[in-house]
Amino acid sequence: MFCPKCGSVLLPKKEGSKKVLVCSCSYKSSNVEKIKLTETVAKKEKEVEVVEKKINVFPKTKIRCEKCGHDTAFYWTVQTRAGDEPETKFLKCEKCDYTWRDYD
């Protein structure tokens, strides 16, 4: 239903025990008994593709893995302690995915 004054959509509202349709321009319609309000939500199917490939966006550095001996690892830093102390450097082996900390 649309407002006869301004053309906006009339919204349902309860006033006490009565239902009315109201507009933002202050128009009210009490002719609600014949109206059936329904809303249909269209469900869209989403296609999900599972990718098995490992994607690492971290930079690499030359350092020997403590577990397998490989000489390249990804690294990132995190502020794990107080702000006036240095960041903790985490390393992850490119070959075996072993992760360790570097406190230098």
Protein backbone atom coordinates (compact mmCIF):
# COMPACT_ATOMS: atom_id res chain seq x y z
CA MET A 1 0.00 0.00 0.00
CA PHE A 2 1.14 3.50 -0.74
CA CYS A 3 0.32 6.80 0.94
CA PRO A 4 -2.33 8.79 -0.97
CA LYS A 5 -0.70 12.07 0.19
CA CYS A 6 2.98 11.59 -0.65
CA GLY A 7 3.26 8.21 -2.39
CA SER A 8 5.58 6.59 0.20
CA VAL A 9 5.18 3.01 1.33
CA LEU A 10 2.81 2.61 4.29
CA LEU A 11 4.32 0.66 7.19
CA PRO A 12 2.34 -1.51 9.64
CA LYS A 13 2.26 -0.34 13.27
CA LYS A 14 0.37 -1.35 16.41
CA GLU A 15 -1.45 1.34 18.37
CA GLY A 16 -2.76 -0.39 21.45
CA SER A 17 -4.65 -3.43 20.24
CA LYS A 18 -5.33 -2.00 16.77
CA LYS A 19 -3.15 -2.36 13.70
CA VAL A 20 -2.73 0.70 11.46
CA LEU A 21 -0.68 1.62 8.43
CA VAL A 22 1.38 4.79 8.90
CA CYS A 23 3.45 7.03 6.66
CA SER A 24 6.37 9.33 7.44
CA CYS A 25 4.16 12.29 6.44
CA SER A 26 1.81 11.49 9.41
CA TYR A 27 -0.92 9.85 7.29
CA LYS A 28 -2.68 6.92 9.03
CA SER A 29 -4.93 4.30 7.51
CA SER A 30 -7.05 2.07 9.70
CA ASN A 31 -8.06 -0.14 6.75
CA VAL A 32 -5.75 -2.97 7.77
CA GLU A 33 -8.17 -5.86 8.25
CA LYS A 34 -8.20 -6.77 4.55
CA ILE A 35 -4.41 -6.57 4.12
CA LYS A 36 -2.15 -9.60 4.39
CA LEU A 37 1.54 -8.76 4.85
CA THR A 38 4.00 -11.30 3.45
CA GLU A 39 7.71 -11.18 2.80
CA THR A 40 9.60 -13.60 0.60
CA VAL A 41 13.35 -13.88 0.81
CA ALA A 42 15.01 -15.33 -2.26
CA LYS A 43 17.69 -17.83 -1.38
CA LYS A 44 20.68 -17.75 -3.69
CA GLU A 45 22.80 -20.84 -4.03
CA LYS A 46 26.47 -20.08 -3.55
CA GLU A 47 29.11 -22.20 -5.16
CA VAL A 48 32.08 -22.91 -2.92
CA GLU A 49 35.39 -24.04 -4.36
CA VAL A 50 37.79 -25.82 -2.04
CA VAL A 51 41.43 -25.13 -2.81
CA GLU A 52 44.04 -27.48 -1.38
CA LYS A 53 46.97 -25.25 -2.29
CA LYS A 54 48.83 -23.52 0.57
CA ILE A 55 49.10 -19.78 0.08
CA ASN A 56 51.62 -17.89 2.17
CA VAL A 57 51.66 -14.13 1.96
CA PHE A 58 54.42 -13.63 4.51
CA PRO A 59 57.95 -12.59 3.52
CA LYS A 60 60.73 -15.19 3.42
CA THR A 61 64.09 -15.18 5.14
CA LYS A 62 67.17 -17.38 5.06
CA ILE A 63 67.24 -19.27 8.37
CA ARG A 64 67.72 -22.96 9.20
CA CYS A 65 64.63 -24.85 10.42
CA GLU A 66 65.15 -26.38 13.86
CA LYS A 67 63.15 -29.47 12.91
CA CYS A 68 64.01 -30.47 9.30
CA GLY A 69 67.09 -28.35 8.51
CA HIS A 70 65.53 -26.53 5.52
CA ASP A 71 67.11 -23.09 5.02
CA THR A 72 64.09 -20.90 4.11
CA ALA A 73 61.22 -19.81 6.37
CA PHE A 74 58.34 -17.36 6.37
CA TYR A 75 58.32 -14.77 9.15
CA TRP A 76 56.03 -12.25 10.85
CA THR A 77 56.19 -10.17 14.01
CA VAL A 78 53.67 -9.75 16.84
CA GLN A 79 53.73 -7.40 19.83
CA THR A 80 53.25 -10.06 22.55
CA ARG A 81 54.67 -8.11 25.49
CA ALA A 82 54.55 -4.50 26.71
CA GLY A 83 54.80 -1.71 24.15
CA ASP A 84 58.28 -0.65 25.30
CA GLU A 85 59.70 -4.15 24.66
CA PRO A 86 60.67 -5.53 21.24
CA GLU A 87 58.26 -7.52 19.06
CA THR A 88 58.37 -11.32 18.95
CA LYS A 89 59.42 -12.73 15.58
CA PHE A 90 57.65 -15.91 14.48
CA LEU A 91 59.11 -18.19 11.80
CA LYS A 92 57.44 -20.98 9.83
CA CYS A 93 59.46 -23.46 7.78
CA GLU A 94 58.64 -23.37 4.09
CA LYS A 95 59.06 -27.15 3.78
CA CYS A 96 57.63 -28.79 6.94
CA ASP A 97 55.44 -25.93 8.36
CA TYR A 98 57.18 -26.11 11.76
CA THR A 99 56.65 -22.80 13.61
CA TRP A 100 59.00 -21.31 16.21
CA ARG A 101 59.86 -17.99 17.85
CA ASP A 102 63.00 -15.92 17.44
CA TYR A 103 63.72 -13.67 20.42
CA ASP A 104 66.70 -11.78 18.90
